[in-house]
Amino acid sequence: MNSLLLNISLVFMVLSLIPCLYRIIKGPTIPDRVVAIDAMTTVIIVMLGVYSLLQNSVFFMDVALVLAIISFVGTVTISKYLDEGAVF
């Protein structure tokens, strides 16, 4: 029963990626695209956590942690560039 619910949640998470992809492709402004990429990476991180729970493996949690760090740094860098015009 537990794995069935986790598999169903993975399906819903994959379906929640569709609006993110739409906003990345059709986003009228760059900040819209940045927010969509950030939302998409958050969903992927949660998917990795659920998949790690299903597989009883810690490896996927390490991948999720690295992806979260890269996503955070990337989002902060892009938002600083859009705000000030320079990163440094």
N, C-alpha and C. Protein backbone atom coordinates (compact mmCIF):
# COMPACT_ATOMS: atom_id res chain seq x y z
N MET A 1 0.82 -1.20 0.00
CA MET A 1 0.00 0.00 0.00
C MET A 1 0.87 1.27 0.00
N ASN A 2 1.92 1.24 0.79
CA ASN A 2 2.79 2.40 0.88
C ASN A 2 3.48 2.68 -0.45
N SER A 3 3.97 1.64 -1.11
CA SER A 3 4.64 1.85 -2.39
C SER A 3 3.65 2.28 -3.47
N LEU A 4 2.42 1.84 -3.38
CA LEU A 4 1.41 2.26 -4.34
C LEU A 4 1.16 3.77 -4.22
N LEU A 5 1.06 4.27 -3.00
CA LEU A 5 0.86 5.70 -2.81
C LEU A 5 2.07 6.50 -3.27
N LEU A 6 3.26 5.99 -3.04
CA LEU A 6 4.46 6.69 -3.49
C LEU A 6 4.54 6.70 -5.01
N ASN A 7 4.15 5.61 -5.64
CA ASN A 7 4.15 5.58 -7.11
C ASN A 7 3.11 6.55 -7.68
N ILE A 8 1.96 6.63 -7.04
CA ILE A 8 0.94 7.58 -7.49
C ILE A 8 1.43 9.01 -7.30
N SER A 9 2.12 9.27 -6.19
CA SER A 9 2.64 10.62 -5.98
C SER A 9 3.71 10.97 -7.02
N LEU A 10 4.50 9.98 -7.44
CA LEU A 10 5.48 10.24 -8.50
C LEU A 10 4.80 10.61 -9.81
N VAL A 11 3.69 9.95 -10.10
CA VAL A 11 2.94 10.27 -11.32
C VAL A 11 2.42 11.71 -11.26
N PHE A 12 1.88 12.11 -10.11
CA PHE A 12 1.39 13.47 -9.98
C PHE A 12 2.52 14.50 -10.06
N MET A 13 3.68 14.14 -9.55
CA MET A 13 4.81 15.06 -9.65
C MET A 13 5.27 15.21 -11.09
N VAL A 14 5.25 14.12 -11.85
CA VAL A 14 5.60 14.22 -13.27
C VAL A 14 4.58 15.10 -13.99
N LEU A 15 3.31 14.95 -13.64
CA LEU A 15 2.29 15.79 -14.25
C LEU A 15 2.45 17.26 -13.85
N SER A 16 2.98 17.52 -12.67
CA SER A 16 3.17 18.91 -12.26
C SER A 16 4.35 19.56 -12.96
N LEU A 17 5.18 18.77 -13.63
CA LEU A 17 6.27 19.34 -14.40
C LEU A 17 5.80 19.97 -15.70
N ILE A 18 4.65 19.57 -16.18
CA ILE A 18 4.13 20.07 -17.46
C ILE A 18 3.90 21.58 -17.44
N PRO A 19 3.21 22.14 -16.41
CA PRO A 19 3.09 23.62 -16.39
C PRO A 19 4.43 24.34 -16.27
N CYS A 20 5.37 23.72 -15.58
CA CYS A 20 6.69 24.34 -15.47
C CYS A 20 7.37 24.39 -16.83
N LEU A 21 7.29 23.31 -17.56
CA LEU A 21 7.87 23.29 -18.90
C LEU A 21 7.20 24.30 -19.82
N TYR A 22 5.88 24.42 -19.69
CA TYR A 22 5.15 25.39 -20.50
C TYR A 22 5.63 26.81 -20.19
N ARG A 23 5.80 27.12 -18.90
CA ARG A 23 6.22 28.46 -18.51
C ARG A 23 7.66 28.73 -18.92
N ILE A 24 8.49 27.69 -18.94
CA ILE A 24 9.88 27.88 -19.39
C ILE A 24 9.91 28.20 -20.88
N ILE A 25 9.08 27.52 -21.65
CA ILE A 25 9.07 27.73 -23.10
C ILE A 25 8.35 29.02 -23.48
N LYS A 26 7.17 29.25 -22.92
CA LYS A 26 6.33 30.38 -23.33
C LYS A 26 6.42 31.59 -22.41
N GLY A 27 7.23 31.51 -21.36
CA GLY A 27 7.30 32.61 -20.40
C GLY A 27 7.56 33.94 -21.06
N PRO A 28 6.73 34.93 -20.80
CA PRO A 28 6.93 36.21 -21.48
C PRO A 28 8.18 36.95 -21.01
N THR A 29 8.59 36.74 -19.78
CA THR A 29 9.77 37.44 -19.28
C THR A 29 10.77 36.45 -18.72
N ILE A 30 11.99 36.91 -18.56
CA ILE A 30 13.05 36.06 -18.01
C ILE A 30 12.78 35.69 -16.55
N PRO A 31 12.28 36.61 -15.69
CA PRO A 31 11.98 36.19 -14.32
C PRO A 31 10.93 35.08 -14.24
N ASP A 32 9.96 35.08 -15.16
CA ASP A 32 8.99 33.98 -15.20
C ASP A 32 9.69 32.66 -15.47
N ARG A 33 10.63 32.68 -16.38
CA ARG A 33 11.37 31.45 -16.71
C ARG A 33 12.24 31.00 -15.54
N VAL A 34 12.83 31.95 -14.83
CA VAL A 34 13.67 31.60 -13.68
C VAL A 34 12.83 30.95 -12.59
N VAL A 35 11.66 31.50 -12.31
CA VAL A 35 10.78 30.93 -11.30
C VAL A 35 10.31 29.54 -11.73
N ALA A 36 10.03 29.36 -13.02
CA ALA A 36 9.60 28.05 -13.50
C ALA A 36 10.72 27.02 -13.38
N ILE A 37 11.94 27.41 -13.67
CA ILE A 37 13.07 26.49 -13.53
C ILE A 37 13.27 26.14 -12.07
N ASP A 38 13.12 27.13 -11.19
CA ASP A 38 13.26 26.87 -9.76
C ASP A 38 12.17 25.93 -9.26
N ALA A 39 10.95 26.13 -9.72
CA ALA A 39 9.85 25.23 -9.33
C ALA A 39 10.08 23.82 -9.87
N MET A 40 10.59 23.75 -11.08
CA MET A 40 10.84 22.44 -11.68
C MET A 40 11.94 21.69 -10.93
N THR A 41 12.99 22.37 -10.55
CA THR A 41 14.05 21.69 -9.80
C THR A 41 13.55 21.27 -8.42
N THR A 42 12.67 22.05 -7.83
CA THR A 42 12.10 21.66 -6.54
C THR A 42 11.28 20.39 -6.67
N VAL A 43 10.49 20.29 -7.71
CA VAL A 43 9.70 19.08 -7.94
C VAL A 43 10.62 17.89 -8.21
N ILE A 44 11.68 18.10 -8.96
CA ILE A 44 12.63 17.01 -9.24
C ILE A 44 13.33 16.56 -7.97
N ILE A 45 13.65 17.50 -7.09
CA ILE A 45 14.29 17.14 -5.83
C ILE A 45 13.35 16.29 -4.97
N VAL A 46 12.08 16.66 -4.93
CA VAL A 46 11.10 15.86 -4.18
C VAL A 46 10.92 14.49 -4.82
N MET A 47 10.93 14.45 -6.15
CA MET A 47 10.82 13.16 -6.84
C MET A 47 12.00 12.27 -6.50
N LEU A 48 13.19 12.83 -6.45
CA LEU A 48 14.37 12.05 -6.07
C LEU A 48 14.25 11.53 -4.64
N GLY A 49 13.69 12.34 -3.75
CA GLY A 49 13.49 11.88 -2.38
C GLY A 49 12.51 10.73 -2.29
N VAL A 50 11.41 10.82 -3.02
CA VAL A 50 10.42 9.74 -3.02
C VAL A 50 11.00 8.49 -3.67
N TYR A 51 11.73 8.67 -4.76
CA TYR A 51 12.34 7.53 -5.42
C TYR A 51 13.39 6.87 -4.53
N SER A 52 14.11 7.68 -3.77
CA SER A 52 15.08 7.15 -2.82
C SER A 52 14.39 6.32 -1.75
N LEU A 53 13.24 6.78 -1.32
CA LEU A 53 12.46 6.02 -0.34
C LEU A 53 11.95 4.71 -0.92
N LEU A 54 11.53 4.74 -2.17
CA LEU A 54 11.04 3.52 -2.82
C LEU A 54 12.16 2.50 -3.02
N GLN A 55 13.34 2.96 -3.36
CA GLN A 55 14.46 2.06 -3.66
C GLN A 55 15.29 1.71 -2.44
N ASN A 56 15.01 2.31 -1.30
CA ASN A 56 15.80 2.12 -0.08
C ASN A 56 17.29 2.39 -0.33
N SER A 57 17.56 3.51 -1.00
CA SER A 57 18.93 3.87 -1.35
C SER A 57 19.19 5.31 -0.94
N VAL A 58 20.35 5.55 -0.37
CA VAL A 58 20.69 6.90 0.06
C VAL A 58 21.34 7.68 -1.08
N PHE A 59 21.74 7.01 -2.14
CA PHE A 59 22.43 7.65 -3.25
C PHE A 59 21.58 8.76 -3.86
N PHE A 60 20.30 8.51 -4.02
CA PHE A 60 19.43 9.50 -4.65
C PHE A 60 19.23 10.73 -3.77
N MET A 61 19.34 10.56 -2.45
CA MET A 61 19.26 11.71 -1.55
C MET A 61 20.50 12.59 -1.71
N ASP A 62 21.65 11.96 -1.94
CA ASP A 62 22.86 12.75 -2.21
C ASP A 62 22.72 13.55 -3.49
N VAL A 63 22.16 12.93 -4.50
CA VAL A 63 21.93 13.62 -5.77
C VAL A 63 20.94 14.77 -5.57
N ALA A 64 19.90 14.55 -4.78
CA ALA A 64 18.92 15.60 -4.51
C ALA A 64 19.56 16.77 -3.76
N LEU A 65 20.45 16.47 -2.83
CA LEU A 65 21.12 17.52 -2.08
C LEU A 65 22.01 18.36 -2.99
N VAL A 66 22.76 17.72 -3.86
CA VAL A 66 23.63 18.45 -4.80
C VAL A 66 22.78 19.29 -5.75
N LEU A 67 21.69 18.73 -6.24
CA LEU A 67 20.81 19.48 -7.14
C LEU A 67 20.19 20.68 -6.43
N ALA A 68 19.84 20.54 -5.16
CA ALA A 68 19.28 21.65 -4.40
C ALA A 68 20.30 22.77 -4.23
N ILE A 69 21.54 22.40 -3.96
CA ILE A 69 22.58 23.42 -3.80
C ILE A 69 22.84 24.15 -5.11
N ILE A 70 22.94 23.40 -6.19
CA ILE A 70 23.19 24.02 -7.51
C ILE A 70 22.01 24.90 -7.91
N SER A 71 20.80 24.45 -7.64
CA SER A 71 19.61 25.23 -7.97
C SER A 71 19.56 26.53 -7.19
N PHE A 72 19.88 26.46 -5.90
CA PHE A 72 19.87 27.66 -5.08
C PHE A 72 20.90 28.68 -5.56
N VAL A 73 22.10 28.22 -5.79
CA VAL A 73 23.17 29.12 -6.24
C VAL A 73 22.82 29.71 -7.61
N GLY A 74 22.29 28.89 -8.49
CA GLY A 74 21.91 29.37 -9.82
C GLY A 74 20.80 30.40 -9.77
N THR A 75 19.80 30.16 -8.95
CA THR A 75 18.68 31.10 -8.83
C THR A 75 19.14 32.43 -8.25
N VAL A 76 19.96 32.38 -7.22
CA VAL A 76 20.47 33.61 -6.62
C VAL A 76 21.34 34.38 -7.62
N THR A 77 22.17 33.66 -8.36
CA THR A 77 23.04 34.32 -9.33
C THR A 77 22.24 34.97 -10.45
N ILE A 78 21.27 34.26 -10.98
CA ILE A 78 20.47 34.82 -12.07
C ILE A 78 19.64 36.01 -11.58
N SER A 79 19.06 35.91 -10.39
CA SER A 79 18.26 37.03 -9.89
C SER A 79 19.13 38.24 -9.60
N LYS A 80 20.34 38.03 -9.12
CA LYS A 80 21.25 39.16 -8.89
C LYS A 80 21.65 39.79 -10.22
N TYR A 81 21.88 38.97 -11.22
CA TYR A 81 22.23 39.50 -12.54
C TYR A 81 21.07 40.31 -13.13
N LEU A 82 19.85 39.81 -12.98
CA LEU A 82 18.70 40.53 -13.52
C LEU A 82 18.45 41.83 -12.76
N ASP A 83 18.77 41.84 -11.47
CA ASP A 83 18.52 43.03 -10.67
C ASP A 83 19.58 44.10 -10.89
N GLU A 84 20.85 43.70 -10.89
CA GLU A 84 21.94 44.68 -10.95
C GLU A 84 22.63 44.75 -12.29
N GLY A 85 22.48 43.75 -13.13
CA GLY A 85 23.16 43.75 -14.42
C GLY A 85 24.55 43.15 -14.38
N ALA A 86 25.01 42.79 -13.20
CA ALA A 86 26.32 42.15 -13.04
C ALA A 86 26.23 41.19 -11.87
N VAL A 87 27.09 40.19 -11.91
CA VAL A 87 27.07 39.19 -10.85
C VAL A 87 27.95 39.61 -9.68
N PHE A 88 29.07 40.21 -9.97
CA PHE A 88 30.01 40.59 -8.90
C PHE A 88 29.81 42.00 -8.45
